[in-house]
Amino acid sequence: SNELLNAGAEAYRKGDYVTAQEYYTQAAKLGNVQAMCN
């Protein structure tokens, strides 16, 4: 979940919000609270 969160954050920083959303959703499904917040 942390790997997915970090990948999402990297995509977000690059302006690729669709990819960021996909990574955050996967991380949130694994229980990552920060990903759910993001």
Full PDB file with SEQRES, HELIX, SHEET, SSBOND, CRYST1, ORIGX, SCALE, CONECT and MASTER records, all heavy atoms in Angstrom:
SEQRES   1 A   38  SER ASN GLU LEU LEU ASN ALA GLY ALA GLU ALA TYR ARG          
SEQRES   2 A   38  LYS GLY ASP TYR VAL THR ALA GLN GLU TYR TYR THR GLN          
SEQRES   3 A   38  ALA ALA LYS LEU GLY ASN VAL GLN ALA MET CYS ASN              
HELIX    1 AA1 ASN A    2  ARG A   13  1                                  12    
HELIX    2 AA2 TYR A   17  LYS A   29  1                                  13    
HELIX    3 AA3 VAL A   33  CYS A   37  1                                   5    
CRYST1    1.000    1.000    1.000  90.00  90.00  90.00 P 1           1          
ORIGX1      1.000000  0.000000  0.000000        0.00000                         
ORIGX2      0.000000  1.000000  0.000000        0.00000                         
ORIGX3      0.000000  0.000000  1.000000        0.00000                         
SCALE1      1.000000  0.000000  0.000000        0.00000                         
SCALE2      0.000000  1.000000  0.000000        0.00000                         
SCALE3      0.000000  0.000000  1.000000        0.00000                         
ATOM      1  N   SER A   1       0.827  -1.208   0.000  1.00  0.00           N  
ATOM      2  CA  SER A   1       0.000   0.000   0.000  1.00  0.00           C  
ATOM      3  C   SER A   1       0.861   1.259   0.000  1.00  0.00           C  
ATOM      4  O   SER A   1       0.517   2.262  -0.643  1.00  0.00           O  
ATOM      5  CB  SER A   1      -0.979   0.011   1.176  1.00  0.00           C  
ATOM      6  OG  SER A   1      -0.338   0.301   2.398  1.00  0.00           O  
ATOM      7  N   ASN A   2       1.997   1.207   0.694  1.00  0.00           N  
ATOM      8  CA  ASN A   2       2.904   2.358   0.692  1.00  0.00           C  
ATOM      9  C   ASN A   2       3.568   2.555  -0.667  1.00  0.00           C  
ATOM     10  O   ASN A   2       3.781   3.690  -1.098  1.00  0.00           O  
ATOM     11  CB  ASN A   2       3.945   2.235   1.800  1.00  0.00           C  
ATOM     12  CG  ASN A   2       3.403   2.660   3.137  1.00  0.00           C  
ATOM     13  OD1 ASN A   2       2.503   3.486   3.226  1.00  0.00           O  
ATOM     14  ND2 ASN A   2       3.936   2.084   4.195  1.00  0.00           N  
ATOM     15  N   GLU A   3       3.893   1.460  -1.331  1.00  0.00           N  
ATOM     16  CA  GLU A   3       4.457   1.563  -2.684  1.00  0.00           C  
ATOM     17  C   GLU A   3       3.445   2.200  -3.633  1.00  0.00           C  
ATOM     18  O   GLU A   3       3.794   3.059  -4.449  1.00  0.00           O  
ATOM     19  CB  GLU A   3       4.868   0.179  -3.188  1.00  0.00           C  
ATOM     20  CG  GLU A   3       6.070  -0.398  -2.492  1.00  0.00           C  
ATOM     21  CD  GLU A   3       6.324  -1.858  -2.831  1.00  0.00           C  
ATOM     22  OE1 GLU A   3       5.643  -2.421  -3.732  1.00  0.00           O  
ATOM     23  OE2 GLU A   3       7.213  -2.457  -2.183  1.00  0.00           O  
ATOM     24  N   LEU A   4       2.191   1.764  -3.525  1.00  0.00           N  
ATOM     25  CA  LEU A   4       1.133   2.338  -4.363  1.00  0.00           C  
ATOM     26  C   LEU A   4       0.898   3.806  -4.033  1.00  0.00           C  
ATOM     27  O   LEU A   4       0.704   4.632  -4.930  1.00  0.00           O  
ATOM     28  CB  LEU A   4      -0.163   1.534  -4.200  1.00  0.00           C  
ATOM     29  CG  LEU A   4      -0.123   0.120  -4.768  1.00  0.00           C  
ATOM     30  CD1 LEU A   4      -1.285  -0.706  -4.225  1.00  0.00           C  
ATOM     31  CD2 LEU A   4      -0.149   0.149  -6.295  1.00  0.00           C  
ATOM     32  N   LEU A   5       0.917   4.134  -2.742  1.00  0.00           N  
ATOM     33  CA  LEU A   5       0.765   5.537  -2.317  1.00  0.00           C  
ATOM     34  C   LEU A   5       1.868   6.398  -2.922  1.00  0.00           C  
ATOM     35  O   LEU A   5       1.601   7.476  -3.475  1.00  0.00           O  
ATOM     36  CB  LEU A   5       0.805   5.632  -0.798  1.00  0.00           C  
ATOM     37  CG  LEU A   5       0.833   7.046  -0.206  1.00  0.00           C  
ATOM     38  CD1 LEU A   5      -0.472   7.775  -0.474  1.00  0.00           C  
ATOM     39  CD2 LEU A   5       1.137   6.985   1.285  1.00  0.00           C  
ATOM     40  N   ASN A   6       3.094   5.921  -2.849  1.00  0.00           N  
ATOM     41  CA  ASN A   6       4.224   6.681  -3.396  1.00  0.00           C  
ATOM     42  C   ASN A   6       4.137   6.819  -4.910  1.00  0.00           C  
ATOM     43  O   ASN A   6       4.439   7.883  -5.458  1.00  0.00           O  
ATOM     44  CB  ASN A   6       5.547   6.039  -2.979  1.00  0.00           C  
ATOM     45  CG  ASN A   6       5.816   6.191  -1.498  1.00  0.00           C  
ATOM     46  OD1 ASN A   6       5.331   7.120  -0.867  1.00  0.00           O  
ATOM     47  ND2 ASN A   6       6.576   5.269  -0.938  1.00  0.00           N  
ATOM     48  N   ALA A   7       3.705   5.759  -5.585  1.00  0.00           N  
ATOM     49  CA  ALA A   7       3.534   5.828  -7.044  1.00  0.00           C  
ATOM     50  C   ALA A   7       2.435   6.837  -7.383  1.00  0.00           C  
ATOM     51  O   ALA A   7       2.557   7.600  -8.345  1.00  0.00           O  
ATOM     52  CB  ALA A   7       3.203   4.451  -7.606  1.00  0.00           C  
ATOM     53  N   GLY A   8       1.378   6.847  -6.598  1.00  0.00           N  
ATOM     54  CA  GLY A   8       0.303   7.817  -6.805  1.00  0.00           C  
ATOM     55  C   GLY A   8       0.783   9.237  -6.595  1.00  0.00           C  
ATOM     56  O   GLY A   8       0.449  10.145  -7.363  1.00  0.00           O  
ATOM     57  N   ALA A   9       1.570   9.441  -5.562  1.00  0.00           N  
ATOM     58  CA  ALA A   9       2.097  10.779  -5.279  1.00  0.00           C  
ATOM     59  C   ALA A   9       3.011  11.257  -6.409  1.00  0.00           C  
ATOM     60  O   ALA A   9       2.967  12.434  -6.797  1.00  0.00           O  
ATOM     61  CB  ALA A   9       2.848  10.774  -3.947  1.00  0.00           C  
ATOM     62  N   GLU A  10       3.811  10.349  -6.947  1.00  0.00           N  
ATOM     63  CA  GLU A  10       4.690  10.709  -8.061  1.00  0.00           C  
ATOM     64  C   GLU A  10       3.864  11.101  -9.286  1.00  0.00           C  
ATOM     65  O   GLU A  10       4.153  12.099  -9.958  1.00  0.00           O  
ATOM     66  CB  GLU A  10       5.628   9.538  -8.387  1.00  0.00           C  
ATOM     67  CG  GLU A  10       6.605   9.828  -9.497  1.00  0.00           C  
ATOM     68  CD  GLU A  10       7.600  10.932  -9.169  1.00  0.00           C  
ATOM     69  OE1 GLU A  10       7.920  11.144  -7.993  1.00  0.00           O  
ATOM     70  OE2 GLU A  10       8.047  11.601 -10.133  1.00  0.00           O  
ATOM     71  N   ALA A  11       2.838  10.316  -9.582  1.00  0.00           N  
ATOM     72  CA  ALA A  11       1.966  10.640 -10.724  1.00  0.00           C  
ATOM     73  C   ALA A  11       1.260  11.973 -10.491  1.00  0.00           C  
ATOM     74  O   ALA A  11       1.139  12.783 -11.414  1.00  0.00           O  
ATOM     75  CB  ALA A  11       0.939   9.522 -10.933  1.00  0.00           C  
ATOM     76  N   TYR A  12       0.823  12.222  -9.270  1.00  0.00           N  
ATOM     77  CA  TYR A  12       0.144  13.477  -8.942  1.00  0.00           C  
ATOM     78  C   TYR A  12       1.075  14.664  -9.178  1.00  0.00           C  
ATOM     79  O   TYR A  12       0.681  15.666  -9.774  1.00  0.00           O  
ATOM     80  CB  TYR A  12      -0.333  13.445  -7.483  1.00  0.00           C  
ATOM     81  CG  TYR A  12      -1.292  14.541  -7.129  1.00  0.00           C  
ATOM     82  CD1 TYR A  12      -2.664  14.325  -7.184  1.00  0.00           C  
ATOM     83  CD2 TYR A  12      -0.844  15.794  -6.728  1.00  0.00           C  
ATOM     84  CE1 TYR A  12      -3.563  15.333  -6.853  1.00  0.00           C  
ATOM     85  CE2 TYR A  12      -1.723  16.799  -6.398  1.00  0.00           C  
ATOM     86  CZ  TYR A  12      -3.089  16.560  -6.467  1.00  0.00           C  
ATOM     87  OH  TYR A  12      -3.968  17.577  -6.138  1.00  0.00           O  
ATOM     88  N   ARG A  13       2.311  14.540  -8.703  1.00  0.00           N  
ATOM     89  CA  ARG A  13       3.289  15.627  -8.884  1.00  0.00           C  
ATOM     90  C   ARG A  13       3.534  15.930 -10.362  1.00  0.00           C  
ATOM     91  O   ARG A  13       3.814  17.066 -10.733  1.00  0.00           O  
ATOM     92  CB  ARG A  13       4.611  15.283  -8.203  1.00  0.00           C  
ATOM     93  CG  ARG A  13       4.614  15.509  -6.714  1.00  0.00           C  
ATOM     94  CD  ARG A  13       6.007  15.401  -6.111  1.00  0.00           C  
ATOM     95  NE  ARG A  13       6.554  14.053  -6.137  1.00  0.00           N  
ATOM     96  CZ  ARG A  13       6.292  13.111  -5.240  1.00  0.00           C  
ATOM     97  NH1 ARG A  13       5.490  13.362  -4.240  1.00  0.00           N  
ATOM     98  NH2 ARG A  13       6.850  11.925  -5.347  1.00  0.00           N  
ATOM     99  N   LYS A  14       3.413  14.898 -11.201  1.00  0.00           N  
ATOM    100  CA  LYS A  14       3.614  15.076 -12.644  1.00  0.00           C  
ATOM    101  C   LYS A  14       2.342  15.564 -13.349  1.00  0.00           C  
ATOM    102  O   LYS A  14       2.357  15.790 -14.559  1.00  0.00           O  
ATOM    103  CB  LYS A  14       4.062  13.752 -13.277  1.00  0.00           C  
ATOM    104  CG  LYS A  14       5.449  13.324 -12.851  1.00  0.00           C  
ATOM    105  CD  LYS A  14       5.817  11.990 -13.474  1.00  0.00           C  
ATOM    106  CE  LYS A  14       7.227  11.584 -13.058  1.00  0.00           C  
ATOM    107  NZ  LYS A  14       7.579  10.271 -13.597  1.00  0.00           N  
ATOM    108  N   GLY A  15       1.262  15.692 -12.595  1.00  0.00           N  
ATOM    109  CA  GLY A  15       0.007  16.158 -13.184  1.00  0.00           C  
ATOM    110  C   GLY A  15      -0.816  15.054 -13.823  1.00  0.00           C  
ATOM    111  O   GLY A  15      -1.815  15.326 -14.485  1.00  0.00           O  
ATOM    112  N   ASP A  16      -0.425  13.808 -13.623  1.00  0.00           N  
ATOM    113  CA  ASP A  16      -1.169  12.665 -14.157  1.00  0.00           C  
ATOM    114  C   ASP A  16      -2.156  12.198 -13.086  1.00  0.00           C  
ATOM    115  O   ASP A  16      -1.940  11.203 -12.400  1.00  0.00           O  
ATOM    116  CB  ASP A  16      -0.201  11.549 -14.547  1.00  0.00           C  
ATOM    117  CG  ASP A  16      -0.892  10.378 -15.232  1.00  0.00           C  
ATOM    118  OD1 ASP A  16      -2.142  10.372 -15.323  1.00  0.00           O  
ATOM    119  OD2 ASP A  16      -0.174   9.459 -15.662  1.00  0.00           O  
ATOM    120  N   TYR A  17      -3.256  12.937 -12.963  1.00  0.00           N  
ATOM    121  CA  TYR A  17      -4.203  12.708 -11.886  1.00  0.00           C  
ATOM    122  C   TYR A  17      -4.998  11.415 -12.040  1.00  0.00           C  
ATOM    123  O   TYR A  17      -5.368  10.803 -11.050  1.00  0.00           O  
ATOM    124  CB  TYR A  17      -5.142  13.903 -11.749  1.00  0.00           C  
ATOM    125  CG  TYR A  17      -4.395  15.198 -11.533  1.00  0.00           C  
ATOM    126  CD1 TYR A  17      -4.520  16.259 -12.410  1.00  0.00           C  
ATOM    127  CD2 TYR A  17      -3.542  15.347 -10.438  1.00  0.00           C  
ATOM    128  CE1 TYR A  17      -3.825  17.440 -12.209  1.00  0.00           C  
ATOM    129  CE2 TYR A  17      -2.834  16.514 -10.228  1.00  0.00           C  
ATOM    130  CZ  TYR A  17      -2.986  17.568 -11.121  1.00  0.00           C  
ATOM    131  OH  TYR A  17      -2.291  18.728 -10.916  1.00  0.00           O  
ATOM    132  N   VAL A  18      -5.229  10.986 -13.274  1.00  0.00           N  
ATOM    133  CA  VAL A  18      -5.951   9.725 -13.496  1.00  0.00           C  
ATOM    134  C   VAL A  18      -5.132   8.555 -12.947  1.00  0.00           C  
ATOM    135  O   VAL A  18      -5.646   7.694 -12.225  1.00  0.00           O  
ATOM    136  CB  VAL A  18      -6.292   9.531 -14.985  1.00  0.00           C  
ATOM    137  CG1 VAL A  18      -6.838   8.141 -15.243  1.00  0.00           C  
ATOM    138  CG2 VAL A  18      -7.284  10.592 -15.452  1.00  0.00           C  
ATOM    139  N   THR A  19      -3.850   8.545 -13.268  1.00  0.00           N  
ATOM    140  CA  THR A  19      -2.977   7.484 -12.753  1.00  0.00           C  
ATOM    141  C   THR A  19      -2.850   7.582 -11.236  1.00  0.00           C  
ATOM    142  O   THR A  19      -2.901   6.562 -10.541  1.00  0.00           O  
ATOM    143  CB  THR A  19      -1.591   7.558 -13.427  1.00  0.00           C  
ATOM    144  OG1 THR A  19      -1.766   7.387 -14.840  1.00  0.00           O  
ATOM    145  CG2 THR A  19      -0.651   6.489 -12.891  1.00  0.00           C  
ATOM    146  N   ALA A  20      -2.724   8.780 -10.729  1.00  0.00           N  
ATOM    147  CA  ALA A  20      -2.641   8.973  -9.279  1.00  0.00           C  
ATOM    148  C   ALA A  20      -3.886   8.409  -8.604  1.00  0.00           C  
ATOM    149  O   ALA A  20      -3.790   7.695  -7.597  1.00  0.00           O  
ATOM    150  CB  ALA A  20      -2.478  10.449  -8.949  1.00  0.00           C  
ATOM    151  N   GLN A  21      -5.045   8.700  -9.168  1.00  0.00           N  
ATOM    152  CA  GLN A  21      -6.293   8.204  -8.600  1.00  0.00           C  
ATOM    153  C   GLN A  21      -6.319   6.669  -8.590  1.00  0.00           C  
ATOM    154  O   GLN A  21      -6.749   6.055  -7.612  1.00  0.00           O  
ATOM    155  CB  GLN A  21      -7.483   8.752  -9.382  1.00  0.00           C  
ATOM    156  CG  GLN A  21      -8.823   8.322  -8.835  1.00  0.00           C  
ATOM    157  CD  GLN A  21      -9.972   8.923  -9.618  1.00  0.00           C  
ATOM    158  OE1 GLN A  21      -9.795   9.453 -10.713  1.00  0.00           O  
ATOM    159  NE2 GLN A  21     -11.153   8.844  -9.061  1.00  0.00           N  
ATOM    160  N   GLU A  22      -5.842   6.069  -9.658  1.00  0.00           N  
ATOM    161  CA  GLU A  22      -5.807   4.602  -9.732  1.00  0.00           C  
ATOM    162  C   GLU A  22      -4.910   4.017  -8.641  1.00  0.00           C  
ATOM    163  O   GLU A  22      -5.292   3.070  -7.949  1.00  0.00           O  
ATOM    164  CB  GLU A  22      -5.325   4.156 -11.108  1.00  0.00           C  
ATOM    165  CG  GLU A  22      -6.316   4.439 -12.218  1.00  0.00           C  
ATOM    166  CD  GLU A  22      -5.745   4.221 -13.609  1.00  0.00           C  
ATOM    167  OE1 GLU A  22      -4.588   3.757 -13.734  1.00  0.00           O  
ATOM    168  OE2 GLU A  22      -6.462   4.515 -14.579  1.00  0.00           O  
ATOM    169  N   TYR A  23      -3.720   4.594  -8.464  1.00  0.00           N  
ATOM    170  CA  TYR A  23      -2.805   4.104  -7.429  1.00  0.00           C  
ATOM    171  C   TYR A  23      -3.386   4.341  -6.032  1.00  0.00           C  
ATOM    172  O   TYR A  23      -3.320   3.462  -5.167  1.00  0.00           O  
ATOM    173  CB  TYR A  23      -1.438   4.772  -7.536  1.00  0.00           C  
ATOM    174  CG  TYR A  23      -0.557   4.215  -8.625  1.00  0.00           C  
ATOM    175  CD1 TYR A  23      -0.019   5.049  -9.595  1.00  0.00           C  
ATOM    176  CD2 TYR A  23      -0.230   2.861  -8.673  1.00  0.00           C  
ATOM    177  CE1 TYR A  23       0.809   4.551 -10.598  1.00  0.00           C  
ATOM    178  CE2 TYR A  23       0.603   2.349  -9.666  1.00  0.00           C  
ATOM    179  CZ  TYR A  23       1.108   3.205 -10.626  1.00  0.00           C  
ATOM    180  OH  TYR A  23       1.938   2.692 -11.600  1.00  0.00           O  
ATOM    181  N   TYR A  24      -3.929   5.521  -5.803  1.00  0.00           N  
ATOM    182  CA  TYR A  24      -4.503   5.820  -4.491  1.00  0.00           C  
ATOM    183  C   TYR A  24      -5.668   4.877  -4.176  1.00  0.00           C  
ATOM    184  O   TYR A  24      -5.812   4.431  -3.040  1.00  0.00           O  
ATOM    185  CB  TYR A  24      -4.989   7.265  -4.414  1.00  0.00           C  
ATOM    186  CG  TYR A  24      -3.905   8.319  -4.410  1.00  0.00           C  
ATOM    187  CD1 TYR A  24      -4.153   9.587  -4.899  1.00  0.00           C  
ATOM    188  CD2 TYR A  24      -2.634   8.063  -3.905  1.00  0.00           C  
ATOM    189  CE1 TYR A  24      -3.184  10.578  -4.892  1.00  0.00           C  
ATOM    190  CE2 TYR A  24      -1.649   9.035  -3.897  1.00  0.00           C  
ATOM    191  CZ  TYR A  24      -1.930  10.290  -4.391  1.00  0.00           C  
ATOM    192  OH  TYR A  24      -0.966  11.263  -4.376  1.00  0.00           O  
ATOM    193  N   THR A  25      -6.479   4.587  -5.171  1.00  0.00           N  
ATOM    194  CA  THR A  25      -7.615   3.681  -4.961  1.00  0.00           C  
ATOM    195  C   THR A  25      -7.122   2.292  -4.559  1.00  0.00           C  
ATOM    196  O   THR A  25      -7.642   1.682  -3.617  1.00  0.00           O  
ATOM    197  CB  THR A  25      -8.489   3.603  -6.226  1.00  0.00           C  
ATOM    198  OG1 THR A  25      -9.009   4.913  -6.511  1.00  0.00           O  
ATOM    199  CG2 THR A  25      -9.643   2.637  -6.050  1.00  0.00           C  
ATOM    200  N   GLN A  26      -6.103   1.796  -5.250  1.00  0.00           N  
ATOM    201  CA  GLN A  26      -5.544   0.479  -4.914  1.00  0.00           C  
ATOM    202  C   GLN A  26      -4.961   0.474  -3.502  1.00  0.00           C  
ATOM    203  O   GLN A  26      -5.167  -0.478  -2.740  1.00  0.00           O  
ATOM    204  CB  GLN A  26      -4.467   0.089  -5.927  1.00  0.00           C  
ATOM    205  CG  GLN A  26      -4.990  -0.205  -7.314  1.00  0.00           C  
ATOM    206  CD  GLN A  26      -3.850  -0.461  -8.284  1.00  0.00           C  
ATOM    207  OE1 GLN A  26      -2.885  -1.150  -7.966  1.00  0.00           O  
ATOM    208  NE2 GLN A  26      -3.954   0.099  -9.478  1.00  0.00           N  
ATOM    209  N   ALA A  27      -4.230   1.540  -3.170  1.00  0.00           N  
ATOM    210  CA  ALA A  27      -3.626   1.626  -1.839  1.00  0.00           C  
ATOM    211  C   ALA A  27      -4.694   1.731  -0.756  1.00  0.00           C  
ATOM    212  O   ALA A  27      -4.581   1.107   0.308  1.00  0.00           O  
ATOM    213  CB  ALA A  27      -2.682   2.822  -1.768  1.00  0.00           C  
ATOM    214  N   ALA A  28      -5.742   2.504  -1.028  1.00  0.00           N  
ATOM    215  CA  ALA A  28      -6.827   2.653  -0.053  1.00  0.00           C  
ATOM    216  C   ALA A  28      -7.528   1.319   0.188  1.00  0.00           C  
ATOM    217  O   ALA A  28      -7.908   1.002   1.324  1.00  0.00           O  
ATOM    218  CB  ALA A  28      -7.821   3.710  -0.529  1.00  0.00           C  
ATOM    219  N   LYS A  29      -7.695   0.525  -0.861  1.00  0.00           N  
ATOM    220  CA  LYS A  29      -8.317  -0.802  -0.708  1.00  0.00           C  
ATOM    221  C   LYS A  29      -7.481  -1.713   0.187  1.00  0.00           C  
ATOM    222  O   LYS A  29      -8.014  -2.635   0.801  1.00  0.00           O  
ATOM    223  CB  LYS A  29      -8.535  -1.449  -2.072  1.00  0.00           C  
ATOM    224  CG  LYS A  29      -9.683  -0.839  -2.837  1.00  0.00           C  
ATOM    225  CD  LYS A  29      -9.864  -1.502  -4.186  1.00  0.00           C  
ATOM    226  CE  LYS A  29     -11.001  -0.853  -4.953  1.00  0.00           C  
ATOM    227  NZ  LYS A  29     -11.175  -1.426  -6.298  1.00  0.00           N  
ATOM    228  N   LEU A  30      -6.187  -1.435   0.262  1.00  0.00           N  
ATOM    229  CA  LEU A  30      -5.304  -2.208   1.144  1.00  0.00           C  
ATOM    230  C   LEU A  30      -5.231  -1.592   2.541  1.00  0.00           C  
ATOM    231  O   LEU A  30      -4.465  -2.047   3.384  1.00  0.00           O  
ATOM    232  CB  LEU A  30      -3.897  -2.298   0.537  1.00  0.00           C  
ATOM    233  CG  LEU A  30      -3.779  -3.122  -0.739  1.00  0.00           C  
ATOM    234  CD1 LEU A  30      -2.375  -2.994  -1.328  1.00  0.00           C  
ATOM    235  CD2 LEU A  30      -4.121  -4.581  -0.466  1.00  0.00           C  
ATOM    236  N   GLY A  31      -6.029  -0.543   2.770  1.00  0.00           N  
ATOM    237  CA  GLY A  31      -6.105   0.056   4.097  1.00  0.00           C  
ATOM    238  C   GLY A  31      -5.212   1.256   4.334  1.00  0.00           C  
ATOM    239  O   GLY A  31      -5.047   1.683   5.470  1.00  0.00           O  
ATOM    240  N   ASN A  32      -4.635   1.811   3.276  1.00  0.00           N  
ATOM    241  CA  ASN A  32      -3.744   2.959   3.440  1.00  0.00           C  
ATOM    242  C   ASN A  32      -4.572   4.229   3.664  1.00  0.00           C  
ATOM    243  O   ASN A  32      -5.261   4.703   2.756  1.00  0.00           O  
ATOM    244  CB  ASN A  32      -2.847   3.104   2.212  1.00  0.00           C  
ATOM    245  CG  ASN A  32      -1.739   4.098   2.437  1.00  0.00           C  
ATOM    246  OD1 ASN A  32      -1.995   5.266   2.641  1.00  0.00           O  
ATOM    247  ND2 ASN A  32      -0.499   3.623   2.407  1.00  0.00           N  
ATOM    248  N   VAL A  33      -4.498   4.761   4.863  1.00  0.00           N  
ATOM    249  CA  VAL A  33      -5.312   5.911   5.267  1.00  0.00           C  
ATOM    250  C   VAL A  33      -4.915   7.166   4.494  1.00  0.00           C  
ATOM    251  O   VAL A  33      -5.778   7.937   4.069  1.00  0.00           O  
ATOM    252  CB  VAL A  33      -5.201   6.139   6.796  1.00  0.00           C  
ATOM    253  CG1 VAL A  33      -5.952   7.383   7.211  1.00  0.00           C  
ATOM    254  CG2 VAL A  33      -5.716   4.922   7.544  1.00  0.00           C  
ATOM    255  N   GLN A  34      -3.626   7.388   4.284  1.00  0.00           N  
ATOM    256  CA  GLN A  34      -3.188   8.577   3.549  1.00  0.00           C  
ATOM    257  C   GLN A  34      -3.673   8.524   2.114  1.00  0.00           C  
ATOM    258  O   GLN A  34      -4.048   9.550   1.544  1.00  0.00           O  
ATOM    259  CB  GLN A  34      -1.663   8.729   3.594  1.00  0.00           C  
ATOM    260  CG  GLN A  34      -1.168  10.017   2.945  1.00  0.00           C  
ATOM    261  CD  GLN A  34      -1.705  11.262   3.637  1.00  0.00           C  
ATOM    262  OE1 GLN A  34      -1.583  11.408   4.849  1.00  0.00           O  
ATOM    263  NE2 GLN A  34      -2.300  12.174   2.876  1.00  0.00           N  
ATOM    264  N   ALA A  35      -3.684   7.352   1.513  1.00  0.00           N  
ATOM    265  CA  ALA A  35      -4.189   7.221   0.146  1.00  0.00           C  
ATOM    266  C   ALA A  35      -5.664   7.587   0.088  1.00  0.00           C  
ATOM    267  O   ALA A  35      -6.109   8.251  -0.853  1.00  0.00           O  
ATOM    268  CB  ALA A  35      -3.978   5.797  -0.362  1.00  0.00           C  
ATOM    269  N   MET A  36      -6.437   7.183   1.091  1.00  0.00           N  
ATOM    270  CA  MET A  36      -7.858   7.533   1.133  1.00  0.00           C  
ATOM    271  C   MET A  36      -8.014   9.045   1.255  1.00  0.00           C  
ATOM    272  O   MET A  36      -8.862   9.649   0.587  1.00  0.00           O  
ATOM    273  CB  MET A  36      -8.545   6.821   2.298  1.00  0.00           C  
ATOM    274  CG  MET A  36     -10.032   7.063   2.361  1.00  0.00           C  
ATOM    275  SD  MET A  36     -10.954   6.524   0.894  1.00  0.00           S  
ATOM    276  CE  MET A  36     -10.996   4.762   1.156  1.00  0.00           C  
ATOM    277  N   CYS A  37      -7.194   9.661   2.062  1.00  0.00           N  
ATOM    278  CA  CYS A  37      -7.221  11.116   2.212  1.00  0.00           C  
ATOM    279  C   CYS A  37      -6.854  11.789   0.884  1.00  0.00           C  
ATOM    280  O   CYS A  37      -7.508  12.749   0.460  1.00  0.00           O  
ATOM    281  CB  CYS A  37      -6.267  11.532   3.323  1.00  0.00           C  
ATOM    282  SG  CYS A  37      -6.365  13.269   3.780  1.00  0.00           S  
ATOM    283  N   ASN A  38      -5.837  11.282   0.216  1.00  0.00           N  
ATOM    284  CA  ASN A  38      -5.419  11.852  -1.061  1.00  0.00           C  
ATOM    285  C   ASN A  38      -6.512  11.721  -2.121  1.00  0.00           C  
ATOM    286  O   ASN A  38      -6.680  12.614  -2.958  1.00  0.00           O  
ATOM    287  CB  ASN A  38      -4.128  11.198  -1.545  1.00  0.00           C  
ATOM    288  CG  ASN A  38      -2.932  11.581  -0.701  1.00  0.00           C  
ATOM    289  OD1 ASN A  38      -3.046  12.322   0.270  1.00  0.00           O  
ATOM    290  ND2 ASN A  38      -1.779  11.050  -1.040  1.00  0.00           N  
TER     291      ASN A  38                                                      
MASTER        0    0    0    3    0    0    0    6  290    1    0    3          
END                                                                             
